[in-house]
Amino acid sequence: MTEKIKQQTVNCAMSCKTSELHDVMRFLSRAVPRNKKGLLHGCEITIKTNEVIFVSIGATKVLYCNSTGPVKVSIPFLYFYDIVKNIKSYNTQISIGEGLMTLGNLTVKVSTCFFNDDSILRSIDLPINYAIVDIIRLSDHYTPEEIEFNKLDVMIKRAYAEIEKDINLTYRKLMKYGVSIDDLRNIVHQRIHNNLNSTNYESQN
């Protein structure tokens, strides 16, 4: 991610019908599990001129409204969904400052990135029924800054831990045949990172 601008004076905003925002969040919520796994899902909001893109893992929805950008915002999905569900006004006004999002009279902390233009505002794409290999392969397609901004670094660490646990279990079964744990690690990681034909992330963003 290049040319990230962090200035307290930079502000972006959007205004839309609350009913349309509710529809967007309900649509995205279908892809978010209602369990501990769902707590890891973020909502990525990309605000451009008269276009706002909402992304959660497995779902994307575009809202055309009065908006000015460009800025990318990241907030825990379920937290943001609860806020939106409780908005009762006809219209919703949202403004973005450095590390802050204001919805009406409520201001919450968020991750923000301001840009010179919207040509580099990539959204991270994952299938709705993503597997561990899909999480691991994110590092092959996105920069560390993009991964960290979207709060996916924690999911990647957990995925690596799950793989390591499986490798250790397999090693205990195969060690009697002279297989080393490094042999297993090499096989698994070569398989993950060399077999990238199932998902072309670059072409989808």
C-alpha atoms as a PDB file:
ATOM      1  CA  MET A   1       0.000   0.000   0.000  1.00  0.00           C
ATOM      2  CA  THR A   2       1.615   3.233  -1.128  1.00  0.00           C
ATOM      3  CA  GLU A   3       1.361   6.932  -0.445  1.00  0.00           C
ATOM      4  CA  LYS A   4      -0.612   6.579   2.737  1.00  0.00           C
ATOM      5  CA  ILE A   5      -1.471  10.038   4.091  1.00  0.00           C
ATOM      6  CA  LYS A   6      -2.056  10.626   7.769  1.00  0.00           C
ATOM      7  CA  GLN A   7      -3.202  14.151   8.496  1.00  0.00           C
ATOM      8  CA  GLN A   8      -5.484  15.324  11.263  1.00  0.00           C
ATOM      9  CA  THR A   9      -6.964  17.916   8.884  1.00  0.00           C
ATOM     10  CA  VAL A  10      -8.063  15.403   6.239  1.00  0.00           C
ATOM     11  CA  ASN A  11     -11.733  14.439   6.514  1.00  0.00           C
ATOM     12  CA  CYS A  12     -14.037  12.342   4.366  1.00  0.00           C
ATOM     13  CA  ALA A  13     -17.762  11.872   4.733  1.00  0.00           C
ATOM     14  CA  MET A  14     -20.829  10.108   3.434  1.00  0.00           C
ATOM     15  CA  SER A  15     -24.572  10.642   3.683  1.00  0.00           C
ATOM     16  CA  CYS A  16     -27.183   8.038   2.797  1.00  0.00           C
ATOM     17  CA  LYS A  17     -30.659   6.794   3.612  1.00  0.00           C
ATOM     18  CA  THR A  18     -30.522   4.781   6.813  1.00  0.00           C
ATOM     19  CA  SER A  19     -32.709   2.094   5.247  1.00  0.00           C
ATOM     20  CA  GLU A  20     -30.121   1.591   2.497  1.00  0.00           C
ATOM     21  CA  LEU A  21     -27.322   1.303   5.053  1.00  0.00           C
ATOM     22  CA  HIS A  22     -29.413  -1.250   6.977  1.00  0.00           C
ATOM     23  CA  ASP A  23     -29.854  -3.251   3.766  1.00  0.00           C
ATOM     24  CA  VAL A  24     -26.098  -3.249   3.153  1.00  0.00           C
ATOM     25  CA  MET A  25     -25.299  -4.490   6.644  1.00  0.00           C
ATOM     26  CA  ARG A  26     -27.975  -7.176   6.568  1.00  0.00           C
ATOM     27  CA  PHE A  27     -26.561  -8.413   3.266  1.00  0.00           C
ATOM     28  CA  LEU A  28     -23.013  -8.576   4.646  1.00  0.00           C
ATOM     29  CA  SER A  29     -24.158 -10.194   7.889  1.00  0.00           C
ATOM     30  CA  ARG A  30     -25.197 -13.334   6.006  1.00  0.00           C
ATOM     31  CA  ALA A  31     -21.506 -14.084   5.426  1.00  0.00           C
ATOM     32  CA  VAL A  32     -20.436 -13.545   9.047  1.00  0.00           C
ATOM     33  CA  PRO A  33     -20.768 -16.510  11.440  1.00  0.00           C
ATOM     34  CA  ARG A  34     -22.466 -15.822  14.775  1.00  0.00           C
ATOM     35  CA  ASN A  35     -19.752 -17.390  16.887  1.00  0.00           C
ATOM     36  CA  LYS A  36     -16.199 -16.679  18.073  1.00  0.00           C
ATOM     37  CA  LYS A  37     -14.976 -16.906  14.500  1.00  0.00           C
ATOM     38  CA  GLY A  38     -17.324 -14.084  13.583  1.00  0.00           C
ATOM     39  CA  LEU A  39     -15.643 -11.790  16.109  1.00  0.00           C
ATOM     40  CA  LEU A  40     -12.527 -11.845  13.924  1.00  0.00           C
ATOM     41  CA  HIS A  41     -14.388 -10.507  10.898  1.00  0.00           C
ATOM     42  CA  GLY A  42     -13.862  -6.868  10.087  1.00  0.00           C
ATOM     43  CA  CYS A  43     -15.917  -4.479   8.013  1.00  0.00           C
ATOM     44  CA  GLU A  44     -13.790  -2.632   5.480  1.00  0.00           C
ATOM     45  CA  ILE A  45     -15.364   0.578   4.215  1.00  0.00           C
ATOM     46  CA  THR A  46     -13.883   2.317   1.192  1.00  0.00           C
ATOM     47  CA  ILE A  47     -15.271   5.790   0.597  1.00  0.00           C
ATOM     48  CA  LYS A  48     -14.807   7.311  -2.845  1.00  0.00           C
ATOM     49  CA  THR A  49     -16.612  10.154  -4.584  1.00  0.00           C
ATOM     50  CA  ASN A  50     -20.320   9.232  -4.545  1.00  0.00           C
ATOM     51  CA  GLU A  51     -19.484   5.551  -4.001  1.00  0.00           C
ATOM     52  CA  VAL A  52     -18.963   3.566  -0.787  1.00  0.00           C
ATOM     53  CA  ILE A  53     -17.804  -0.058  -0.859  1.00  0.00           C
ATOM     54  CA  PHE A  54     -18.502  -2.290   2.145  1.00  0.00           C
ATOM     55  CA  VAL A  55     -16.551  -5.543   2.431  1.00  0.00           C
ATOM     56  CA  SER A  56     -16.614  -8.395   4.909  1.00  0.00           C
ATOM     57  CA  ILE A  57     -15.005 -11.773   4.352  1.00  0.00           C
ATOM     58  CA  GLY A  58     -17.076 -13.448   1.662  1.00  0.00           C
ATOM     59  CA  ALA A  59     -19.324 -10.509   0.771  1.00  0.00           C
ATOM     60  CA  THR A  60     -19.120  -7.103  -0.917  1.00  0.00           C
ATOM     61  CA  LYS A  61     -21.805  -4.447  -1.326  1.00  0.00           C
ATOM     62  CA  VAL A  62     -21.618  -1.072  -3.056  1.00  0.00           C
ATOM     63  CA  LEU A  63     -23.712   1.883  -1.899  1.00  0.00           C
ATOM     64  CA  TYR A  64     -24.041   4.861  -4.225  1.00  0.00           C
ATOM     65  CA  CYS A  65     -24.665   7.984  -2.197  1.00  0.00           C
ATOM     66  CA  ASN A  66     -23.369  11.457  -1.448  1.00  0.00           C
ATOM     67  CA  SER A  67     -19.792  10.833  -0.360  1.00  0.00           C
ATOM     68  CA  THR A  68     -16.305  12.303  -0.542  1.00  0.00           C
ATOM     69  CA  GLY A  69     -13.026  10.428  -0.238  1.00  0.00           C
ATOM     70  CA  PRO A  70     -10.833   8.642  -0.778  1.00  0.00           C
ATOM     71  CA  VAL A  71     -10.387   6.887   2.533  1.00  0.00           C
ATOM     72  CA  LYS A  72     -10.378   3.292   3.728  1.00  0.00           C
ATOM     73  CA  VAL A  73     -11.844   2.460   7.136  1.00  0.00           C
ATOM     74  CA  SER A  74     -11.670  -0.782   9.114  1.00  0.00           C
ATOM     75  CA  ILE A  75     -13.908  -1.637  12.074  1.00  0.00           C
ATOM     76  CA  PRO A  76     -15.020  -4.951  13.673  1.00  0.00           C
ATOM     77  CA  PHE A  77     -18.046  -6.078  11.684  1.00  0.00           C
ATOM     78  CA  LEU A  78     -20.375  -7.140  14.510  1.00  0.00           C
ATOM     79  CA  TYR A  79     -19.598  -3.955  16.455  1.00  0.00           C
ATOM     80  CA  PHE A  80     -20.407  -1.758  13.450  1.00  0.00           C
ATOM     81  CA  TYR A  81     -23.526  -3.799  12.659  1.00  0.00           C
ATOM     82  CA  ASP A  82     -24.863  -3.231  16.178  1.00  0.00           C
ATOM     83  CA  ILE A  83     -24.308   0.514  15.808  1.00  0.00           C
ATOM     84  CA  VAL A  84     -26.054   0.667  12.434  1.00  0.00           C
ATOM     85  CA  LYS A  85     -29.039  -1.389  13.640  1.00  0.00           C
ATOM     86  CA  ASN A  86     -29.724   1.209  16.331  1.00  0.00           C
ATOM     87  CA  ILE A  87     -29.766   4.217  13.977  1.00  0.00           C
ATOM     88  CA  LYS A  88     -33.363   5.443  13.785  1.00  0.00           C
ATOM     89  CA  SER A  89     -33.035   8.655  11.760  1.00  0.00           C
ATOM     90  CA  TYR A  90     -34.164   8.812   8.140  1.00  0.00           C
ATOM     91  CA  ASN A  91     -30.676   9.719   6.913  1.00  0.00           C
ATOM     92  CA  THR A  92     -27.300   8.668   8.275  1.00  0.00           C
ATOM     93  CA  GLN A  93     -24.361  11.067   8.289  1.00  0.00           C
ATOM     94  CA  ILE A  94     -20.907   9.525   8.688  1.00  0.00           C
ATOM     95  CA  SER A  95     -17.681  11.499   8.839  1.00  0.00           C
ATOM     96  CA  ILE A  96     -14.126  10.141   9.021  1.00  0.00           C
ATOM     97  CA  GLY A  97     -11.187  11.738  10.786  1.00  0.00           C
ATOM     98  CA  GLU A  98      -7.782  10.345  11.685  1.00  0.00           C
ATOM     99  CA  GLY A  99      -8.555   7.119  13.587  1.00  0.00           C
ATOM    100  CA  LEU A 100     -12.167   8.151  14.230  1.00  0.00           C
ATOM    101  CA  MET A 101     -15.595   7.625  12.713  1.00  0.00           C
ATOM    102  CA  THR A 102     -18.574   9.777  13.690  1.00  0.00           C
ATOM    103  CA  LEU A 103     -22.122   8.548  13.090  1.00  0.00           C
ATOM    104  CA  GLY A 104     -24.544  11.246  14.186  1.00  0.00           C
ATOM    105  CA  ASN A 105     -23.602  12.014  17.786  1.00  0.00           C
ATOM    106  CA  LEU A 106     -21.566   8.832  18.261  1.00  0.00           C
ATOM    107  CA  THR A 107     -17.800   8.780  17.686  1.00  0.00           C
ATOM    108  CA  VAL A 108     -15.890   5.486  17.663  1.00  0.00           C
ATOM    109  CA  LYS A 109     -12.263   4.505  17.117  1.00  0.00           C
ATOM    110  CA  VAL A 110     -11.452   2.914  13.755  1.00  0.00           C
ATOM    111  CA  SER A 111      -8.438   2.220  11.572  1.00  0.00           C
ATOM    112  CA  THR A 112      -8.158   4.763   8.769  1.00  0.00           C
ATOM    113  CA  CYS A 113      -6.004   5.308   5.697  1.00  0.00           C
ATOM    114  CA  PHE A 114      -6.308   8.473   3.609  1.00  0.00           C
ATOM    115  CA  PHE A 115      -5.047   8.528   0.023  1.00  0.00           C
ATOM    116  CA  ASN A 116      -4.181  10.970  -2.755  1.00  0.00           C
ATOM    117  CA  ASP A 117      -6.506   9.136  -5.129  1.00  0.00           C
ATOM    118  CA  ASP A 118      -8.655   6.011  -5.187  1.00  0.00           C
ATOM    119  CA  SER A 119      -6.580   4.006  -7.689  1.00  0.00           C
ATOM    120  CA  ILE A 120      -4.864   1.933  -4.959  1.00  0.00           C
ATOM    121  CA  LEU A 121      -7.810   1.198  -2.687  1.00  0.00           C
ATOM    122  CA  ARG A 122      -7.761  -2.585  -2.961  1.00  0.00           C
ATOM    123  CA  SER A 123     -10.163  -4.678  -0.908  1.00  0.00           C
ATOM    124  CA  ILE A 124      -9.028  -8.045   0.406  1.00  0.00           C
ATOM    125  CA  ASP A 125     -11.009 -10.825  -1.193  1.00  0.00           C
ATOM    126  CA  LEU A 126     -11.762 -14.132   0.493  1.00  0.00           C
ATOM    127  CA  PRO A 127     -14.392 -16.750  -0.388  1.00  0.00           C
ATOM    128  CA  ILE A 128     -17.335 -16.985   2.012  1.00  0.00           C
ATOM    129  CA  ASN A 129     -16.394 -20.560   2.950  1.00  0.00           C
ATOM    130  CA  TYR A 130     -12.692 -19.844   3.180  1.00  0.00           C
ATOM    131  CA  ALA A 131     -10.217 -22.495   4.298  1.00  0.00           C
ATOM    132  CA  ILE A 132      -6.939 -22.218   6.182  1.00  0.00           C
ATOM    133  CA  VAL A 133      -5.002 -22.229   2.897  1.00  0.00           C
ATOM    134  CA  ASP A 134      -6.983 -19.188   1.708  1.00  0.00           C
ATOM    135  CA  ILE A 135      -5.904 -17.287   4.820  1.00  0.00           C
ATOM    136  CA  ILE A 136      -2.263 -18.310   4.456  1.00  0.00           C
ATOM    137  CA  ARG A 137      -2.180 -17.325   0.777  1.00  0.00           C
ATOM    138  CA  LEU A 138      -3.178 -13.738   1.539  1.00  0.00           C
ATOM    139  CA  SER A 139       0.487 -12.933   2.135  1.00  0.00           C
ATOM    140  CA  ASP A 140       1.196 -13.988  -1.475  1.00  0.00           C
ATOM    141  CA  HIS A 141      -1.187 -11.351  -2.853  1.00  0.00           C
ATOM    142  CA  TYR A 142      -1.335  -8.434  -0.421  1.00  0.00           C
ATOM    143  CA  THR A 143       1.192  -6.235   1.333  1.00  0.00           C
ATOM    144  CA  PRO A 144       1.770  -6.559   5.098  1.00  0.00           C
ATOM    145  CA  GLU A 145       0.234  -3.094   5.489  1.00  0.00           C
ATOM    146  CA  GLU A 146      -2.968  -4.143   3.727  1.00  0.00           C
ATOM    147  CA  ILE A 147      -3.200  -7.313   5.822  1.00  0.00           C
ATOM    148  CA  GLU A 148      -2.569  -5.469   9.086  1.00  0.00           C
ATOM    149  CA  PHE A 149      -5.006  -2.679   8.205  1.00  0.00           C
ATOM    150  CA  ASN A 150      -7.782  -5.199   7.616  1.00  0.00           C
ATOM    151  CA  LYS A 151      -7.018  -6.943  10.942  1.00  0.00           C
ATOM    152  CA  LEU A 152      -6.233 -10.209   9.174  1.00  0.00           C
ATOM    153  CA  ASP A 153      -2.777 -10.637  10.687  1.00  0.00           C
ATOM    154  CA  VAL A 154      -4.349 -12.340  13.728  1.00  0.00           C
ATOM    155  CA  MET A 155      -6.230 -14.795  11.495  1.00  0.00           C
ATOM    156  CA  ILE A 156      -3.024 -15.568   9.585  1.00  0.00           C
ATOM    157  CA  LYS A 157      -1.132 -16.285  12.822  1.00  0.00           C
ATOM    158  CA  ARG A 158      -3.915 -18.623  13.966  1.00  0.00           C
ATOM    159  CA  ALA A 159      -3.909 -20.379  10.595  1.00  0.00           C
ATOM    160  CA  TYR A 160      -0.156 -20.994  10.825  1.00  0.00           C
ATOM    161  CA  ALA A 161      -0.629 -22.315  14.373  1.00  0.00           C
ATOM    162  CA  GLU A 162      -3.319 -24.720  13.125  1.00  0.00           C
ATOM    163  CA  ILE A 163      -1.054 -25.954  10.341  1.00  0.00           C
ATOM    164  CA  GLU A 164       1.823 -26.459  12.786  1.00  0.00           C
ATOM    165  CA  LYS A 165      -0.451 -28.476  15.067  1.00  0.00           C
ATOM    166  CA  ASP A 166      -1.458 -30.762  12.191  1.00  0.00           C
ATOM    167  CA  ILE A 167       2.166 -31.152  11.104  1.00  0.00           C
ATOM    168  CA  ASN A 168       3.168 -32.211  14.613  1.00  0.00           C
ATOM    169  CA  LEU A 169       0.327 -34.753  14.769  1.00  0.00           C
ATOM    170  CA  THR A 170       1.334 -36.203  11.405  1.00  0.00           C
ATOM    171  CA  TYR A 171       5.018 -36.271  12.404  1.00  0.00           C
ATOM    172  CA  ARG A 172       4.288 -38.391  15.475  1.00  0.00           C
ATOM    173  CA  LYS A 173       2.619 -40.966  13.231  1.00  0.00           C
ATOM    174  CA  LEU A 174       5.277 -40.990  10.490  1.00  0.00           C
ATOM    175  CA  MET A 175       8.503 -40.502  12.430  1.00  0.00           C
ATOM    176  CA  LYS A 176       8.975 -44.287  12.667  1.00  0.00           C
ATOM    177  CA  TYR A 177       9.415 -44.286   8.880  1.00  0.00           C
ATOM    178  CA  GLY A 178      12.284 -41.809   9.051  1.00  0.00           C
ATOM    179  CA  VAL A 179      10.217 -38.773   8.063  1.00  0.00           C
ATOM    180  CA  SER A 180      11.456 -35.564   9.661  1.00  0.00           C
ATOM    181  CA  ILE A 181       9.260 -32.696  10.788  1.00  0.00           C
ATOM    182  CA  ASP A 182      11.126 -30.394   8.386  1.00  0.00           C
ATOM    183  CA  ASP A 183      10.212 -32.735   5.518  1.00  0.00           C
ATOM    184  CA  LEU A 184       6.546 -32.365   6.424  1.00  0.00           C
ATOM    185  CA  ARG A 185       6.775 -28.582   6.788  1.00  0.00           C
ATOM    186  CA  ASN A 186       8.397 -28.264   3.367  1.00  0.00           C
ATOM    187  CA  ILE A 187       5.747 -30.422   1.710  1.00  0.00           C
ATOM    188  CA  VAL A 188       2.852 -28.543   3.286  1.00  0.00           C
ATOM    189  CA  HIS A 189       4.148 -25.020   2.664  1.00  0.00           C
ATOM    190  CA  GLN A 190       5.259 -25.777  -0.896  1.00  0.00           C
ATOM    191  CA  ARG A 191       1.798 -27.165  -1.581  1.00  0.00           C
ATOM    192  CA  ILE A 192       0.098 -24.088  -0.134  1.00  0.00           C
ATOM    193  CA  HIS A 193       2.198 -21.420  -1.822  1.00  0.00           C
ATOM    194  CA  ASN A 194       2.844 -23.122  -5.160  1.00  0.00           C
ATOM    195  CA  ASN A 195      -0.744 -24.187  -5.860  1.00  0.00           C
ATOM    196  CA  LEU A 196      -2.355 -20.798  -6.399  1.00  0.00           C
ATOM    197  CA  ASN A 197      -4.582 -21.544  -9.361  1.00  0.00           C
ATOM    198  CA  SER A 198      -7.788 -21.956  -7.358  1.00  0.00           C
ATOM    199  CA  THR A 199      -8.136 -18.259  -6.556  1.00  0.00           C
ATOM    200  CA  ASN A 200      -6.894 -15.286  -8.557  1.00  0.00           C
ATOM    201  CA  TYR A 201      -7.072 -12.428  -6.074  1.00  0.00           C
ATOM    202  CA  GLU A 202      -5.467  -9.830  -8.295  1.00  0.00           C
ATOM    203  CA  SER A 203      -8.061 -10.219 -11.049  1.00  0.00           C
ATOM    204  CA  GLN A 204     -10.928  -9.840  -8.592  1.00  0.00           C
ATOM    205  CA  ASN A 205      -9.788  -6.514  -7.100  1.00  0.00           C
END
